[in-house]
Amino acid sequence: MALFKKRTVGKPGEWYYCLEHGKVEEGPECPAKDRFGPYASRQEAEHAMDTAKERNADWENDPKWHDKPGDKG
């Protein structure tokens, strides 16, 4: 008996952005490794790449995530 059941059908109202196909899907259609989400709305999922870019920029510019020059840890 399997410990975890593979979910083959998504729940209505769960939106994902598929990185492999570059499309929005309701419920998970593609493997988890290829998608962002879940999002609460289709519009949020449509802007998944913009959200990721903004978060990456915030992280890159956050001084607490970077060592100071000459710092050895």
PDB file of N, CA and C in Angstrom:
ATOM      1  N   MET A   1       0.838  -1.178   0.000  1.00  0.00           N
ATOM      2  CA  MET A   1       0.000   0.000   0.000  1.00  0.00           C
ATOM      3  C   MET A   1       0.888   1.248   0.000  1.00  0.00           C
ATOM      4  N   ALA A   2       0.602   2.153  -0.883  1.00  0.00           N
ATOM      5  CA  ALA A   2       1.400   3.381  -0.998  1.00  0.00           C
ATOM      6  C   ALA A   2       1.086   4.332   0.152  1.00  0.00           C
ATOM      7  N   LEU A   3       2.123   4.994   0.616  1.00  0.00           N
ATOM      8  CA  LEU A   3       1.931   5.977   1.681  1.00  0.00           C
ATOM      9  C   LEU A   3       1.293   7.254   1.165  1.00  0.00           C
ATOM     10  N   PHE A   4       1.631   7.610  -0.051  1.00  0.00           N
ATOM     11  CA  PHE A   4       1.112   8.840  -0.631  1.00  0.00           C
ATOM     12  C   PHE A   4       0.419   8.516  -1.940  1.00  0.00           C
ATOM     13  N   LYS A   5      -0.768   9.022  -2.090  1.00  0.00           N
ATOM     14  CA  LYS A   5      -1.494   8.823  -3.333  1.00  0.00           C
ATOM     15  C   LYS A   5      -1.137   9.946  -4.292  1.00  0.00           C
ATOM     16  N   LYS A   6      -0.862   9.595  -5.534  1.00  0.00           N
ATOM     17  CA  LYS A   6      -0.584  10.595  -6.543  1.00  0.00           C
ATOM     18  C   LYS A   6      -1.888  11.284  -6.918  1.00  0.00           C
ATOM     19  N   ARG A   7      -1.873  12.600  -6.813  1.00  0.00           N
ATOM     20  CA  ARG A   7      -3.062  13.368  -7.147  1.00  0.00           C
ATOM     21  C   ARG A   7      -3.098  13.576  -8.646  1.00  0.00           C
ATOM     22  N   THR A   8      -4.108  13.038  -9.290  1.00  0.00           N
ATOM     23  CA  THR A   8      -4.181  13.118 -10.750  1.00  0.00           C
ATOM     24  C   THR A   8      -5.087  14.245 -11.220  1.00  0.00           C
ATOM     25  N   VAL A   9      -5.929  14.758 -10.355  1.00  0.00           N
ATOM     26  CA  VAL A   9      -6.861  15.808 -10.745  1.00  0.00           C
ATOM     27  C   VAL A   9      -6.702  16.981  -9.790  1.00  0.00           C
ATOM     28  N   GLY A  10      -6.659  18.176 -10.356  1.00  0.00           N
ATOM     29  CA  GLY A  10      -6.530  19.356  -9.518  1.00  0.00           C
ATOM     30  C   GLY A  10      -7.858  19.781  -8.920  1.00  0.00           C
ATOM     31  N   LYS A  11      -7.768  20.628  -7.935  1.00  0.00           N
ATOM     32  CA  LYS A  11      -8.969  21.171  -7.318  1.00  0.00           C
ATOM     33  C   LYS A  11      -9.390  22.423  -8.064  1.00  0.00           C
ATOM     34  N   PRO A  12     -10.668  22.610  -8.287  1.00  0.00           N
ATOM     35  CA  PRO A  12     -11.124  23.848  -8.910  1.00  0.00           C
ATOM     36  C   PRO A  12     -10.691  25.041  -8.055  1.00  0.00           C
ATOM     37  N   GLY A  13     -10.222  26.073  -8.705  1.00  0.00           N
ATOM     38  CA  GLY A  13      -9.790  27.259  -7.986  1.00  0.00           C
ATOM     39  C   GLY A  13      -8.313  27.274  -7.653  1.00  0.00           C
ATOM     40  N   GLU A  14      -7.595  26.187  -7.900  1.00  0.00           N
ATOM     41  CA  GLU A  14      -6.143  26.159  -7.750  1.00  0.00           C
ATOM     42  C   GLU A  14      -5.532  26.417  -9.119  1.00  0.00           C
ATOM     43  N   TRP A  15      -4.727  27.443  -9.208  1.00  0.00           N
ATOM     44  CA  TRP A  15      -4.116  27.811 -10.481  1.00  0.00           C
ATOM     45  C   TRP A  15      -2.610  27.642 -10.405  1.00  0.00           C
ATOM     46  N   TYR A  16      -2.022  27.170 -11.480  1.00  0.00           N
ATOM     47  CA  TYR A  16      -0.588  26.924 -11.567  1.00  0.00           C
ATOM     48  C   TYR A  16      -0.051  27.530 -12.852  1.00  0.00           C
ATOM     49  N   TYR A  17       1.260  27.809 -12.845  1.00  0.00           N
ATOM     50  CA  TYR A  17       1.934  28.236 -14.066  1.00  0.00           C
ATOM     51  C   TYR A  17       2.925  27.146 -14.426  1.00  0.00           C
ATOM     52  N   CYS A  18       2.779  26.555 -15.599  1.00  0.00           N
ATOM     53  CA  CYS A  18       3.659  25.489 -16.062  1.00  0.00           C
ATOM     54  C   CYS A  18       4.885  26.100 -16.728  1.00  0.00           C
ATOM     55  N   LEU A  19       6.058  25.831 -16.174  1.00  0.00           N
ATOM     56  CA  LEU A  19       7.303  26.351 -16.714  1.00  0.00           C
ATOM     57  C   LEU A  19       7.676  25.656 -18.025  1.00  0.00           C
ATOM     58  N   GLU A  20       7.327  24.412 -18.155  1.00  0.00           N
ATOM     59  CA  GLU A  20       7.654  23.628 -19.344  1.00  0.00           C
ATOM     60  C   GLU A  20       6.887  24.120 -20.571  1.00  0.00           C
ATOM     61  N   HIS A  21       5.601  24.376 -20.394  1.00  0.00           N
ATOM     62  CA  HIS A  21       4.746  24.759 -21.514  1.00  0.00           C
ATOM     63  C   HIS A  21       4.453  26.259 -21.578  1.00  0.00           C
ATOM     64  N   GLY A  22       4.799  26.998 -20.507  1.00  0.00           N
ATOM     65  CA  GLY A  22       4.555  28.442 -20.482  1.00  0.00           C
ATOM     66  C   GLY A  22       3.081  28.782 -20.489  1.00  0.00           C
ATOM     67  N   LYS A  23       2.291  27.983 -19.766  1.00  0.00           N
ATOM     68  CA  LYS A  23       0.842  28.224 -19.753  1.00  0.00           C
ATOM     69  C   LYS A  23       0.280  28.109 -18.348  1.00  0.00           C
ATOM     70  N   VAL A  24      -0.873  28.699 -18.177  1.00  0.00           N
ATOM     71  CA  VAL A  24      -1.599  28.633 -16.909  1.00  0.00           C
ATOM     72  C   VAL A  24      -2.529  27.433 -16.966  1.00  0.00           C
ATOM     73  N   GLU A  25      -2.608  26.707 -15.850  1.00  0.00           N
ATOM     74  CA  GLU A  25      -3.492  25.544 -15.797  1.00  0.00           C
ATOM     75  C   GLU A  25      -4.276  25.551 -14.493  1.00  0.00           C
ATOM     76  N   GLU A  26      -5.508  25.136 -14.564  1.00  0.00           N
ATOM     77  CA  GLU A  26      -6.328  25.020 -13.356  1.00  0.00           C
ATOM     78  C   GLU A  26      -6.161  23.607 -12.834  1.00  0.00           C
ATOM     79  N   GLY A  27      -5.673  23.516 -11.615  1.00  0.00           N
ATOM     80  CA  GLY A  27      -5.336  22.201 -11.068  1.00  0.00           C
ATOM     81  C   GLY A  27      -4.024  21.757 -11.672  1.00  0.00           C
ATOM     82  N   PRO A  28      -3.261  20.936 -10.957  1.00  0.00           N
ATOM     83  CA  PRO A  28      -1.965  20.529 -11.494  1.00  0.00           C
ATOM     84  C   PRO A  28      -2.120  19.548 -12.646  1.00  0.00           C
ATOM     85  N   GLU A  29      -1.651  19.943 -13.805  1.00  0.00           N
ATOM     86  CA  GLU A  29      -1.649  19.047 -14.962  1.00  0.00           C
ATOM     87  C   GLU A  29      -0.247  18.502 -15.201  1.00  0.00           C
ATOM     88  N   CYS A  30       0.751  19.330 -14.954  1.00  0.00           N
ATOM     89  CA  CYS A  30       2.145  18.947 -15.185  1.00  0.00           C
ATOM     90  C   CYS A  30       2.806  18.592 -13.856  1.00  0.00           C
ATOM     91  N   PRO A  31       3.945  17.892 -13.913  1.00  0.00           N
ATOM     92  CA  PRO A  31       4.646  17.513 -12.677  1.00  0.00           C
ATOM     93  C   PRO A  31       5.042  18.737 -11.842  1.00  0.00           C
ATOM     94  N   ALA A  32       5.131  18.548 -10.543  1.00  0.00           N
ATOM     95  CA  ALA A  32       5.453  19.639  -9.616  1.00  0.00           C
ATOM     96  C   ALA A  32       6.780  20.311  -9.958  1.00  0.00           C
ATOM     97  N   LYS A  33       7.738  19.567 -10.469  1.00  0.00           N
ATOM     98  CA  LYS A  33       9.047  20.135 -10.789  1.00  0.00           C
ATOM     99  C   LYS A  33       8.966  21.149 -11.924  1.00  0.00           C
ATOM    100  N   ASP A  34       7.877  21.147 -12.666  1.00  0.00           N
ATOM    101  CA  ASP A  34       7.725  22.023 -13.825  1.00  0.00           C
ATOM    102  C   ASP A  34       6.717  23.149 -13.616  1.00  0.00           C
ATOM    103  N   ARG A  35       6.319  23.426 -12.371  1.00  0.00           N
ATOM    104  CA  ARG A  35       5.271  24.434 -12.202  1.00  0.00           C
ATOM    105  C   ARG A  35       5.480  25.291 -10.957  1.00  0.00           C
ATOM    106  N   PHE A  36       4.907  26.476 -11.009  1.00  0.00           N
ATOM    107  CA  PHE A  36       4.806  27.368  -9.858  1.00  0.00           C
ATOM    108  C   PHE A  36       3.361  27.343  -9.403  1.00  0.00           C
ATOM    109  N   GLY A  37       3.120  27.453  -8.109  1.00  0.00           N
ATOM    110  CA  GLY A  37       1.766  27.537  -7.604  1.00  0.00           C
ATOM    111  C   GLY A  37       1.579  26.635  -6.400  1.00  0.00           C
ATOM    112  N   PRO A  38       0.397  26.590  -5.881  1.00  0.00           N
ATOM    113  CA  PRO A  38      -0.849  27.117  -6.441  1.00  0.00           C
ATOM    114  C   PRO A  38      -1.032  28.605  -6.165  1.00  0.00           C
ATOM    115  N   TYR A  39      -1.773  29.228  -7.042  1.00  0.00           N
ATOM    116  CA  TYR A  39      -2.170  30.623  -6.914  1.00  0.00           C
ATOM    117  C   TYR A  39      -3.677  30.670  -6.702  1.00  0.00           C
ATOM    118  N   ALA A  40      -4.141  31.742  -6.083  1.00  0.00           N
ATOM    119  CA  ALA A  40      -5.563  31.872  -5.761  1.00  0.00           C
ATOM    120  C   ALA A  40      -6.409  32.236  -6.974  1.00  0.00           C
ATOM    121  N   SER A  41      -5.778  32.828  -7.995  1.00  0.00           N
ATOM    122  CA  SER A  41      -6.555  33.230  -9.170  1.00  0.00           C
ATOM    123  C   SER A  41      -5.744  32.993 -10.442  1.00  0.00           C
ATOM    124  N   ARG A  42      -6.458  32.956 -11.540  1.00  0.00           N
ATOM    125  CA  ARG A  42      -5.816  32.805 -12.844  1.00  0.00           C
ATOM    126  C   ARG A  42      -4.871  33.974 -13.111  1.00  0.00           C
ATOM    127  N   GLN A  43      -5.275  35.182 -12.731  1.00  0.00           N
ATOM    128  CA  GLN A  43      -4.457  36.374 -12.959  1.00  0.00           C
ATOM    129  C   GLN A  43      -3.123  36.282 -12.220  1.00  0.00           C
ATOM    130  N   GLU A  44      -3.151  35.789 -10.981  1.00  0.00           N
ATOM    131  CA  GLU A  44      -1.903  35.625 -10.227  1.00  0.00           C
ATOM    132  C   GLU A  44      -0.992  34.625 -10.932  1.00  0.00           C
ATOM    133  N   ALA A  45      -1.549  33.534 -11.412  1.00  0.00           N
ATOM    134  CA  ALA A  45      -0.757  32.521 -12.107  1.00  0.00           C
ATOM    135  C   ALA A  45      -0.192  33.067 -13.417  1.00  0.00           C
ATOM    136  N   GLU A  46      -0.958  33.913 -14.107  1.00  0.00           N
ATOM    137  CA  GLU A  46      -0.485  34.508 -15.355  1.00  0.00           C
ATOM    138  C   GLU A  46       0.745  35.382 -15.132  1.00  0.00           C
ATOM    139  N   HIS A  47       0.877  35.941 -13.940  1.00  0.00           N
ATOM    140  CA  HIS A  47       1.997  36.831 -13.622  1.00  0.00           C
ATOM    141  C   HIS A  47       3.066  36.128 -12.776  1.00  0.00           C
ATOM    142  N   ALA A  48       3.083  34.812 -12.801  1.00  0.00           N
ATOM    143  CA  ALA A  48       4.020  34.041 -11.980  1.00  0.00           C
ATOM    144  C   ALA A  48       5.477  34.385 -12.292  1.00  0.00           C
ATOM    145  N   MET A  49       5.811  34.535 -13.555  1.00  0.00           N
ATOM    146  CA  MET A  49       7.196  34.834 -13.920  1.00  0.00           C
ATOM    147  C   MET A  49       7.591  36.242 -13.474  1.00  0.00           C
ATOM    148  N   ASP A  50       6.665  37.193 -13.564  1.00  0.00           N
ATOM    149  CA  ASP A  50       6.948  38.552 -13.085  1.00  0.00           C
ATOM    150  C   ASP A  50       7.173  38.546 -11.579  1.00  0.00           C
ATOM    151  N   THR A  51       6.342  37.797 -10.867  1.00  0.00           N
ATOM    152  CA  THR A  51       6.486  37.690  -9.412  1.00  0.00           C
ATOM    153  C   THR A  51       7.836  37.076  -9.064  1.00  0.00           C
ATOM    154  N   ALA A  52       8.232  36.039  -9.784  1.00  0.00           N
ATOM    155  CA  ALA A  52       9.517  35.387  -9.530  1.00  0.00           C
ATOM    156  C   ALA A  52      10.675  36.343  -9.795  1.00  0.00           C
ATOM    157  N   LYS A  53      10.590  37.119 -10.876  1.00  0.00           N
ATOM    158  CA  LYS A  53      11.648  38.091 -11.189  1.00  0.00           C
ATOM    159  C   LYS A  53      11.764  39.150 -10.102  1.00  0.00           C
ATOM    160  N   GLU A  54      10.620  39.638  -9.627  1.00  0.00           N
ATOM    161  CA  GLU A  54      10.625  40.641  -8.555  1.00  0.00           C
ATOM    162  C   GLU A  54      11.239  40.072  -7.278  1.00  0.00           C
ATOM    163  N   ARG A  55      10.863  38.864  -6.930  1.00  0.00           N
ATOM    164  CA  ARG A  55      11.406  38.238  -5.715  1.00  0.00           C
ATOM    165  C   ARG A  55      12.899  37.969  -5.848  1.00  0.00           C
ATOM    166  N   ASN A  56      13.334  37.554  -7.026  1.00  0.00           N
ATOM    167  CA  ASN A  56      14.765  37.331  -7.240  1.00  0.00           C
ATOM    168  C   ASN A  56      15.545  38.635  -7.128  1.00  0.00           C
ATOM    169  N   ALA A  57      15.001  39.715  -7.677  1.00  0.00           N
ATOM    170  CA  ALA A  57      15.665  41.020  -7.586  1.00  0.00           C
ATOM    171  C   ALA A  57      15.738  41.468  -6.131  1.00  0.00           C
ATOM    172  N   ASP A  58      14.657  41.284  -5.379  1.00  0.00           N
ATOM    173  CA  ASP A  58      14.657  41.644  -3.954  1.00  0.00           C
ATOM    174  C   ASP A  58      15.726  40.854  -3.213  1.00  0.00           C
ATOM    175  N   TRP A  59      15.835  39.575  -3.502  1.00  0.00           N
ATOM    176  CA  TRP A  59      16.823  38.725  -2.844  1.00  0.00           C
ATOM    177  C   TRP A  59      18.241  39.160  -3.211  1.00  0.00           C
ATOM    178  N   GLU A  60      18.469  39.422  -4.491  1.00  0.00           N
ATOM    179  CA  GLU A  60      19.796  39.828  -4.943  1.00  0.00           C
ATOM    180  C   GLU A  60      20.254  41.129  -4.292  1.00  0.00           C
ATOM    181  N   ASN A  61      19.314  42.014  -3.967  1.00  0.00           N
ATOM    182  CA  ASN A  61      19.649  43.317  -3.398  1.00  0.00           C
ATOM    183  C   ASN A  61      19.505  43.378  -1.886  1.00  0.00           C
ATOM    184  N   ASP A  62      19.236  42.252  -1.256  1.00  0.00           N
ATOM    185  CA  ASP A  62      19.077  42.220   0.189  1.00  0.00           C
ATOM    186  C   ASP A  62      20.437  41.985   0.843  1.00  0.00           C
ATOM    187  N   PRO A  63      20.953  42.970   1.586  1.00  0.00           N
ATOM    188  CA  PRO A  63      22.304  42.846   2.142  1.00  0.00           C
ATOM    189  C   PRO A  63      22.464  41.703   3.152  1.00  0.00           C
ATOM    190  N   LYS A  64      21.409  41.291   3.804  1.00  0.00           N
ATOM    191  CA  LYS A  64      21.574  40.212   4.786  1.00  0.00           C
ATOM    192  C   LYS A  64      21.812  38.851   4.131  1.00  0.00           C
ATOM    193  N   TRP A  65      21.660  38.761   2.807  1.00  0.00           N
ATOM    194  CA  TRP A  65      21.911  37.504   2.109  1.00  0.00           C
ATOM    195  C   TRP A  65      23.283  37.460   1.455  1.00  0.00           C
ATOM    196  N   HIS A  66      24.044  38.538   1.590  1.00  0.00           N
ATOM    197  CA  HIS A  66      25.348  38.599   0.935  1.00  0.00           C
ATOM    198  C   HIS A  66      26.429  38.939   1.945  1.00  0.00           C
ATOM    199  N   ASP A  67      27.579  38.313   1.778  1.00  0.00           N
ATOM    200  CA  ASP A  67      28.724  38.615   2.637  1.00  0.00           C
ATOM    201  C   ASP A  67      29.304  39.966   2.237  1.00  0.00           C
ATOM    202  N   LYS A  68      29.885  40.627   3.213  1.00  0.00           N
ATOM    203  CA  LYS A  68      30.567  41.884   2.948  1.00  0.00           C
ATOM    204  C   LYS A  68      31.907  41.569   2.279  1.00  0.00           C
ATOM    205  N   PRO A  69      32.390  42.462   1.422  1.00  0.00           N
ATOM    206  CA  PRO A  69      33.702  42.214   0.811  1.00  0.00           C
ATOM    207  C   PRO A  69      34.758  41.982   1.880  1.00  0.00           C
ATOM    208  N   GLY A  70      35.554  40.954   1.688  1.00  0.00           N
ATOM    209  CA  GLY A  70      36.604  40.633   2.638  1.00  0.00           C
ATOM    210  C   GLY A  70      36.155  39.777   3.808  1.00  0.00           C
ATOM    211  N   ASP A  71      34.851  39.501   3.926  1.00  0.00           N
ATOM    212  CA  ASP A  71      34.311  38.658   4.994  1.00  0.00           C
ATOM    213  C   ASP A  71      34.646  37.206   4.702  1.00  0.00           C
ATOM    214  N   LYS A  72      35.153  36.483   5.672  1.00  0.00           N
ATOM    215  CA  LYS A  72      35.523  35.069   5.488  1.00  0.00           C
ATOM    216  C   LYS A  72      34.540  34.123   6.163  1.00  0.00           C
ATOM    217  N   GLY A  73      33.302  34.556   6.375  1.00  0.00           N
ATOM    218  CA  GLY A  73      32.289  33.670   6.894  1.00  0.00           C
ATOM    219  C   GLY A  73      32.112  33.786   8.339  1.00  0.00           C
TER     220      GLY A  73
END
